[in-house]
């Protein structure tokens, strides 16, 4: 256990690894339908990176944080990404859809929903089980929730948020034992091999958690079993990844402190890259490896302190003018 006031570098490492996987997954997405290798790696990443990110978010939600900063970030970046989309794609009309998040901004809105729901679920005797059942049942919804308010995605990943919330620091120590690490490495390698060999028919939309079963082409009454199976694989792979990440201070610990910056900014870089036609030059697996390396470099660059200083006004705007002055301050001034 780290001493009081001493930073736990393990979680900085975890956050950097996860945000790197986010950027890698997004940089491979345009190749999903044309490259079997890109599809296998993409599916592998999406089996665990969103559930694990949600899990870590839940872990750090033990202290009731304010919802305002998330809402402000959502409004700012939803606006900026809408403007970017309008400019790059030459839209006829500029349309802001704050109730249907644009791409990566869905996560900010989902965090708000999870934090609102948390106090109510915390009163239940079996909150994770209840949330898991709700996630499975939500897939049968006749009303297509889709991306509206990130609602269906928020419901599907809420069990991971609760699991992180109830996770204790000492439980992680079991993952650091060498037999567990060896087993984790074997499972990761085996999963990648299976995805390369047999995973070409896997629909990545099952991993997004955004659609009902009927929308995914599985209107059967037992379709919920598929959701349970996907969640089971996600849990296993998430534990494996947590086990394999270094627990001490490393080169990725310091940039892991500022993962919010690459998370919200990398989309601008990738959208511009796509618009410039970079994917026309990606033909071989070597090109794809270079693309993955580029994604890691982008993650490092956007995690630098200089980016934090440069973009501070976007991530921490001064909103004091929105609030009334404290009554005690007014009385002292009289």
Protein backbone atom coordinates (compact mmCIF):
# COMPACT_ATOMS: atom_id res chain seq x y z
CA UNK A 1 0.00 0.00 0.00
CA UNK A 2 1.34 3.45 -0.87
CA UNK A 3 1.93 5.87 1.97
CA UNK A 4 -0.47 8.72 2.53
CA UNK A 5 0.14 11.58 0.08
CA UNK A 6 2.36 9.29 -2.03
CA UNK A 7 1.16 8.85 -5.58
CA UNK A 8 0.27 5.32 -6.66
CA UNK A 9 2.16 5.00 -9.94
CA UNK A 10 0.37 1.78 -10.83
CA UNK A 11 -2.81 3.63 -11.71
CA UNK A 12 -0.87 6.21 -13.72
CA UNK A 13 0.58 3.29 -15.71
CA UNK A 14 -2.86 1.76 -16.14
CA UNK A 15 -4.37 5.02 -17.36
CA UNK A 16 -1.61 5.63 -19.89
CA UNK A 17 -1.81 2.07 -21.25
CA UNK A 18 -5.57 2.36 -21.59
CA UNK A 19 -5.53 5.74 -23.33
CA UNK A 20 -2.85 4.40 -25.70
CA UNK A 21 -5.17 1.50 -26.54
CA UNK A 22 -8.00 4.00 -27.12
CA UNK A 23 -5.90 5.90 -29.66
CA UNK A 24 -4.66 2.69 -31.29
CA UNK A 25 -8.21 1.39 -31.60
CA UNK A 26 -9.41 4.62 -33.18
CA UNK A 27 -6.46 4.81 -35.57
CA UNK A 28 -7.20 1.26 -36.77
CA UNK A 29 -10.95 1.80 -37.12
CA UNK A 30 -10.88 3.04 -40.76
CA UNK A 31 -9.09 -0.21 -41.70
CA UNK A 32 -11.62 -2.45 -39.96
CA UNK A 33 -13.52 -3.49 -43.08
CA UNK A 34 -10.51 -3.88 -45.35
CA UNK A 35 -7.83 -5.55 -43.21
CA UNK A 36 -8.21 -8.82 -41.31
CA UNK A 37 -5.22 -8.07 -39.09
CA UNK A 38 -6.53 -4.61 -38.20
CA UNK A 39 -9.93 -6.13 -37.46
CA UNK A 40 -8.42 -8.74 -35.12
CA UNK A 41 -6.39 -6.18 -33.17
CA UNK A 42 -9.34 -3.76 -33.05
CA UNK A 43 -11.69 -6.43 -31.67
CA UNK A 44 -9.08 -7.50 -29.13
CA UNK A 45 -8.71 -3.92 -27.87
CA UNK A 46 -12.45 -3.31 -27.72
CA UNK A 47 -13.05 -6.41 -25.65
CA UNK A 48 -11.37 -4.77 -22.67
CA UNK A 49 -10.38 -1.13 -23.12
CA UNK A 50 -13.80 0.46 -22.59
CA UNK A 51 -14.82 -1.88 -19.71
CA UNK A 52 -11.44 -1.34 -18.05
CA UNK A 53 -11.58 2.43 -18.48
CA UNK A 54 -15.05 2.42 -16.93
CA UNK A 55 -13.76 0.21 -14.12
CA UNK A 56 -10.92 2.63 -13.31
CA UNK A 57 -13.32 5.58 -13.48
CA UNK A 58 -15.52 3.83 -10.94
CA UNK A 59 -12.53 3.10 -8.72
CA UNK A 60 -11.71 6.81 -8.53
CA UNK A 61 -15.34 7.75 -7.91
CA UNK A 62 -15.26 6.75 -4.25
CA UNK A 63 -15.09 10.42 -3.40
CA UNK A 64 -18.22 12.14 -4.61
CA UNK A 65 -16.90 14.47 -7.29
CA UNK A 66 -18.76 17.34 -8.87
CA UNK A 67 -20.65 16.76 -12.09
CA UNK A 68 -20.15 20.32 -13.34
CA UNK A 69 -16.62 19.82 -14.78
CA UNK A 70 -17.75 16.81 -16.81
CA UNK A 71 -20.75 18.70 -18.15
CA UNK A 72 -18.60 21.71 -19.08
CA UNK A 73 -16.06 19.48 -20.85
CA UNK A 74 -18.88 17.73 -22.67
CA UNK A 75 -20.41 20.98 -23.96
CA UNK A 76 -17.01 22.37 -25.01
CA UNK A 77 -15.76 19.31 -26.87
CA UNK A 78 -19.12 18.33 -28.32
CA UNK A 79 -19.19 21.82 -29.82
CA UNK A 80 -15.60 21.64 -31.10
CA UNK A 81 -16.03 18.21 -32.67
CA UNK A 82 -19.27 19.28 -34.31
CA UNK A 83 -17.49 22.30 -35.79
CA UNK A 84 -14.63 20.08 -36.99
CA UNK A 85 -17.06 17.67 -38.62
CA UNK A 86 -18.87 20.56 -40.30
CA UNK A 87 -15.60 21.94 -41.69
CA UNK A 88 -13.94 18.68 -42.79
CA UNK A 89 -17.01 17.07 -44.31
CA UNK A 90 -18.56 20.18 -45.83
CA UNK A 91 -21.92 19.76 -44.13
CA UNK A 92 -24.74 21.80 -45.60
CA UNK A 93 -25.95 22.80 -42.15
CA UNK A 94 -24.21 23.25 -38.82
CA UNK A 95 -26.20 21.12 -36.38
CA UNK A 96 -25.34 20.70 -32.73
CA UNK A 97 -26.70 17.43 -31.30
CA UNK A 98 -25.96 17.60 -27.59
CA UNK A 99 -28.39 14.77 -26.90
CA UNK A 100 -26.53 12.49 -29.31
CA UNK A 101 -22.83 12.65 -28.43
CA UNK A 102 -20.33 12.91 -31.25
CA UNK A 103 -17.88 9.98 -31.20
CA UNK A 104 -15.63 10.04 -28.11
CA UNK A 105 -17.64 12.62 -26.15
CA UNK A 106 -20.16 9.93 -25.22
CA UNK A 107 -17.91 8.92 -22.33
CA UNK A 108 -18.21 12.29 -20.59
CA UNK A 109 -21.98 12.11 -20.71
CA UNK A 110 -21.92 8.49 -19.51
CA UNK A 111 -19.75 9.43 -16.50
CA UNK A 112 -22.37 12.00 -15.52
CA UNK A 113 -25.12 9.36 -15.71
CA UNK A 114 -23.08 6.84 -13.71
CA UNK A 115 -22.34 9.34 -10.96
CA UNK A 116 -26.00 10.31 -10.77
CA UNK A 117 -27.08 6.66 -10.51
CA UNK A 118 -24.33 5.61 -8.08
CA UNK A 119 -25.92 6.76 -4.78
CA UNK A 120 -29.14 4.90 -5.60
CA UNK A 121 -27.44 1.65 -6.59
CA UNK A 122 -25.14 1.85 -3.55
CA UNK A 123 -28.23 1.38 -1.36
CA UNK A 124 -29.01 -1.99 -2.94
CA UNK A 125 -27.85 -5.26 -1.43
CA UNK A 126 -26.41 -6.61 -4.70
CA UNK A 127 -25.81 -3.53 -6.85
CA UNK A 128 -23.43 -5.13 -9.39
CA UNK A 129 -25.76 -8.09 -9.96
CA UNK A 130 -28.74 -5.77 -10.33
CA UNK A 131 -26.87 -3.52 -12.78
CA UNK A 132 -25.71 -6.57 -14.76
CA UNK A 133 -29.26 -7.86 -15.11
CA UNK A 134 -30.36 -4.39 -16.19
CA UNK A 135 -27.61 -4.31 -18.82
CA UNK A 136 -28.73 -7.64 -20.26
CA UNK A 137 -32.42 -6.69 -20.23
CA UNK A 138 -31.74 -3.29 -21.83
CA UNK A 139 -30.70 -5.07 -25.01
CA UNK A 140 -34.27 -6.31 -25.46
CA UNK A 141 -35.62 -2.76 -25.49
CA UNK A 142 -38.07 -2.18 -28.33
CA UNK A 143 -37.26 1.53 -28.21
CA UNK A 144 -33.98 2.14 -29.99
CA UNK A 145 -31.96 4.07 -27.42
CA UNK A 146 -28.75 3.92 -29.45
CA UNK A 147 -26.58 6.96 -28.86
CA UNK A 148 -29.31 9.13 -27.33
CA UNK A 149 -27.75 10.58 -24.17
CA UNK A 150 -25.31 7.63 -24.28
CA UNK A 151 -28.08 5.84 -22.37
CA UNK A 152 -27.76 2.27 -23.67
CA UNK A 153 -23.96 2.42 -23.57
CA UNK A 154 -24.08 3.81 -20.04
CA UNK A 155 -26.39 0.99 -18.95
CA UNK A 156 -24.26 -1.71 -20.59
CA UNK A 157 -21.02 -0.57 -18.96
CA UNK A 158 -22.46 0.49 -15.60
CA UNK A 159 -21.65 -2.89 -13.94
CA UNK A 160 -17.95 -2.25 -14.63
CA UNK A 161 -18.25 1.19 -13.06
CA UNK A 162 -19.80 -0.33 -9.93
CA UNK A 163 -17.17 -3.08 -9.83
CA UNK A 164 -14.45 -0.43 -9.87
CA UNK A 165 -16.24 1.56 -7.20
CA UNK A 166 -16.30 -1.43 -4.82
CA UNK A 167 -12.76 -2.59 -5.69
CA UNK A 168 -10.22 -2.23 -2.88
CA UNK A 169 -6.56 -1.41 -3.47
CA UNK A 170 -5.30 -4.56 -1.73
CA UNK A 171 -7.23 -6.77 -4.16
CA UNK A 172 -4.91 -5.68 -6.97
CA UNK A 173 -1.99 -7.33 -5.19
CA UNK A 174 -3.33 -10.75 -6.17
CA UNK A 175 -2.89 -9.78 -9.82
CA UNK A 176 0.81 -9.02 -9.33
CA UNK A 177 1.80 -12.58 -8.38
CA UNK A 178 3.98 -14.25 -11.01
CA UNK A 179 1.74 -17.30 -11.60
CA UNK A 180 -1.13 -14.90 -12.28
CA UNK A 181 1.02 -12.79 -14.64
CA UNK A 182 2.12 -15.87 -16.59
CA UNK A 183 -1.48 -17.10 -16.88
CA UNK A 184 -2.56 -13.59 -17.95
CA UNK A 185 0.09 -13.44 -20.68
CA UNK A 186 -0.98 -16.86 -21.98
CA UNK A 187 -4.65 -15.84 -22.06
CA UNK A 188 -3.84 -12.60 -23.91
CA UNK A 189 -1.73 -14.43 -26.52
CA UNK A 190 -4.38 -17.16 -26.91
CA UNK A 191 -7.16 -14.59 -27.34
CA UNK A 192 -5.21 -12.69 -29.98
CA UNK A 193 -4.49 -15.93 -31.82
CA UNK A 194 -8.15 -16.95 -31.76
CA UNK A 195 -9.24 -13.54 -33.04
CA UNK A 196 -6.72 -13.67 -35.90
CA UNK A 197 -7.79 -17.21 -36.79
CA UNK A 198 -11.53 -17.25 -36.14
CA UNK A 199 -12.63 -13.72 -35.29
CA UNK A 200 -13.35 -12.36 -38.75
CA UNK A 201 -17.08 -12.88 -38.32
CA UNK A 202 -17.21 -11.07 -34.99
CA UNK A 203 -19.31 -7.92 -35.20
CA UNK A 204 -17.52 -5.14 -33.32
CA UNK A 205 -20.87 -3.46 -32.61
CA UNK A 206 -21.43 -6.08 -29.89
CA UNK A 207 -18.36 -4.63 -28.17
CA UNK A 208 -19.54 -1.01 -28.41
CA UNK A 209 -22.60 -1.59 -26.25
CA UNK A 210 -24.60 0.92 -28.27
CA UNK A 211 -27.37 -1.14 -29.86
CA UNK A 212 -30.25 -3.43 -28.98
CA UNK A 213 -30.07 -7.12 -29.86
CA UNK A 214 -32.50 -6.72 -32.74
CA UNK A 215 -30.39 -3.90 -34.17
CA UNK A 216 -27.40 -6.24 -33.95
CA UNK A 217 -29.24 -8.88 -35.98
CA UNK A 218 -30.09 -11.15 -33.04
CA UNK A 219 -33.79 -10.76 -32.19
CA UNK A 220 -33.87 -14.20 -30.51
CA UNK A 221 -35.18 -14.47 -26.96
CA UNK A 222 -31.83 -15.85 -25.83
CA UNK A 223 -29.78 -13.00 -27.32
CA UNK A 224 -28.97 -11.82 -23.81
CA UNK A 225 -26.65 -14.82 -23.49
CA UNK A 226 -24.42 -13.23 -26.13
CA UNK A 227 -24.18 -10.08 -24.04
CA UNK A 228 -23.24 -12.15 -20.99
CA UNK A 229 -20.58 -13.99 -23.02
CA UNK A 230 -19.06 -10.73 -24.28
CA UNK A 231 -19.04 -9.34 -20.73
CA UNK A 232 -17.36 -12.52 -19.42
CA UNK A 233 -14.56 -12.25 -21.98
CA UNK A 234 -14.22 -8.54 -21.16
CA UNK A 235 -13.83 -9.29 -17.45
CA UNK A 236 -11.18 -11.96 -18.03
CA UNK A 237 -9.15 -9.85 -20.46
CA UNK A 238 -9.44 -6.78 -18.23
CA UNK A 239 -7.99 -8.70 -15.29
CA UNK A 240 -5.21 -10.00 -17.52
CA UNK A 241 -4.29 -6.50 -18.70
CA UNK A 242 -4.33 -5.19 -15.12
CA UNK A 243 -2.01 -8.01 -14.13
CA UNK A 244 0.51 -7.33 -16.89
CA UNK A 245 0.84 -3.57 -16.31
CA UNK A 246 3.90 -2.62 -14.16
CA UNK A 247 3.05 -1.62 -10.60
CA UNK A 248 6.04 0.69 -9.98
CA UNK A 249 7.19 3.97 -11.45
CA UNK A 250 7.97 3.72 -15.18
CA UNK A 251 8.45 6.00 -18.18
CA UNK A 252 4.67 6.08 -18.68
CA UNK A 253 3.82 7.01 -15.09
CA UNK A 254 4.31 10.75 -15.49
CA UNK A 255 2.30 11.12 -18.74
CA UNK A 256 -0.30 8.83 -17.19
CA UNK A 257 -1.23 11.70 -14.88
CA UNK A 258 -2.64 13.71 -17.80
CA UNK A 259 -4.64 11.16 -19.82
CA UNK A 260 -7.66 13.46 -20.13
CA UNK A 261 -5.72 15.49 -22.70
CA UNK A 262 -4.93 12.72 -25.21
CA UNK A 263 -8.39 11.30 -24.64
CA UNK A 264 -10.24 14.43 -25.74
CA UNK A 265 -7.66 15.81 -28.20
CA UNK A 266 -6.56 12.79 -30.21
CA UNK A 267 -9.83 12.78 -32.14
CA UNK A 268 -8.91 16.08 -33.81
CA UNK A 269 -5.58 14.63 -34.95
CA UNK A 270 -7.09 11.42 -36.29
CA UNK A 271 -9.98 13.12 -38.08
CA UNK A 272 -7.57 15.48 -39.83
CA UNK A 273 -5.29 12.56 -40.73
CA UNK A 274 -8.22 10.70 -42.23
CA UNK A 275 -9.35 13.80 -44.12
CA UNK A 276 -5.85 14.20 -45.57
CA UNK A 277 -6.07 10.69 -47.00
CA UNK A 278 -3.34 9.01 -44.97
CA UNK A 279 -5.12 5.65 -45.15
CA UNK A 280 -4.57 5.48 -48.91
CA UNK A 281 -0.94 4.68 -48.12
CA UNK A 282 -1.64 1.92 -45.58
CA UNK A 283 -1.34 -1.35 -47.52
CA UNK A 284 0.75 -3.87 -45.59
CA UNK A 285 1.01 -5.10 -42.02
CA UNK A 286 4.24 -3.12 -41.74
CA UNK A 287 2.27 0.04 -42.53
CA UNK A 288 -0.22 -0.91 -39.84
CA UNK A 289 2.57 -1.41 -37.30
CA UNK A 290 3.91 2.03 -38.14
CA UNK A 291 0.38 3.40 -37.72
CA UNK A 292 0.18 1.83 -34.25
CA UNK A 293 3.55 3.35 -33.35
CA UNK A 294 2.25 6.71 -34.56
CA UNK A 295 -0.77 6.32 -32.28
CA UNK A 296 1.53 5.71 -29.30
CA UNK A 297 3.63 8.76 -30.22
CA UNK A 298 0.46 10.87 -30.45
CA UNK A 299 -0.54 9.65 -27.00
CA UNK A 300 2.82 10.63 -25.55
CA UNK A 301 2.82 14.05 -27.19
CA UNK A 302 -0.71 14.91 -26.06
CA UNK A 303 0.21 13.85 -22.51
CA UNK A 304 3.01 16.43 -22.23
CA UNK A 305 2.91 19.27 -19.74
CA UNK A 306 3.12 21.77 -22.59
CA UNK A 307 -0.21 20.54 -23.95
CA UNK A 308 -1.72 20.90 -20.49
CA UNK A 309 -0.58 24.52 -20.33
CA UNK A 310 -1.58 25.27 -23.91
CA UNK A 311 -5.07 23.80 -23.63
CA UNK A 312 -5.74 24.69 -20.00
CA UNK A 313 -8.44 27.19 -20.94
CA UNK A 314 -10.41 24.40 -22.65
CA UNK A 315 -10.08 21.84 -19.86
CA UNK A 316 -10.36 24.18 -16.88
CA UNK A 317 -12.24 27.30 -17.97
CA UNK A 318 -12.95 29.99 -15.41
CA UNK A 319 -16.69 29.79 -14.84
CA UNK A 320 -16.87 31.84 -11.65
CA UNK A 321 -18.97 34.44 -13.47
CA UNK A 322 -21.78 31.88 -13.70
CA UNK A 323 -22.23 31.62 -9.95
CA UNK A 324 -23.60 33.95 -7.36
CA UNK A 325 -21.18 35.42 -4.87
CA UNK A 326 -21.06 33.80 -1.45
CA UNK A 327 -23.40 35.59 0.96
CA UNK A 328 -20.71 35.75 3.63
CA UNK A 329 -18.38 37.49 1.19
CA UNK A 330 -21.03 40.05 0.43
CA UNK A 331 -21.71 40.71 4.11
CA UNK A 332 -18.00 41.22 4.81
CA UNK A 333 -17.78 43.73 1.97
CA UNK A 334 -20.61 45.86 3.42
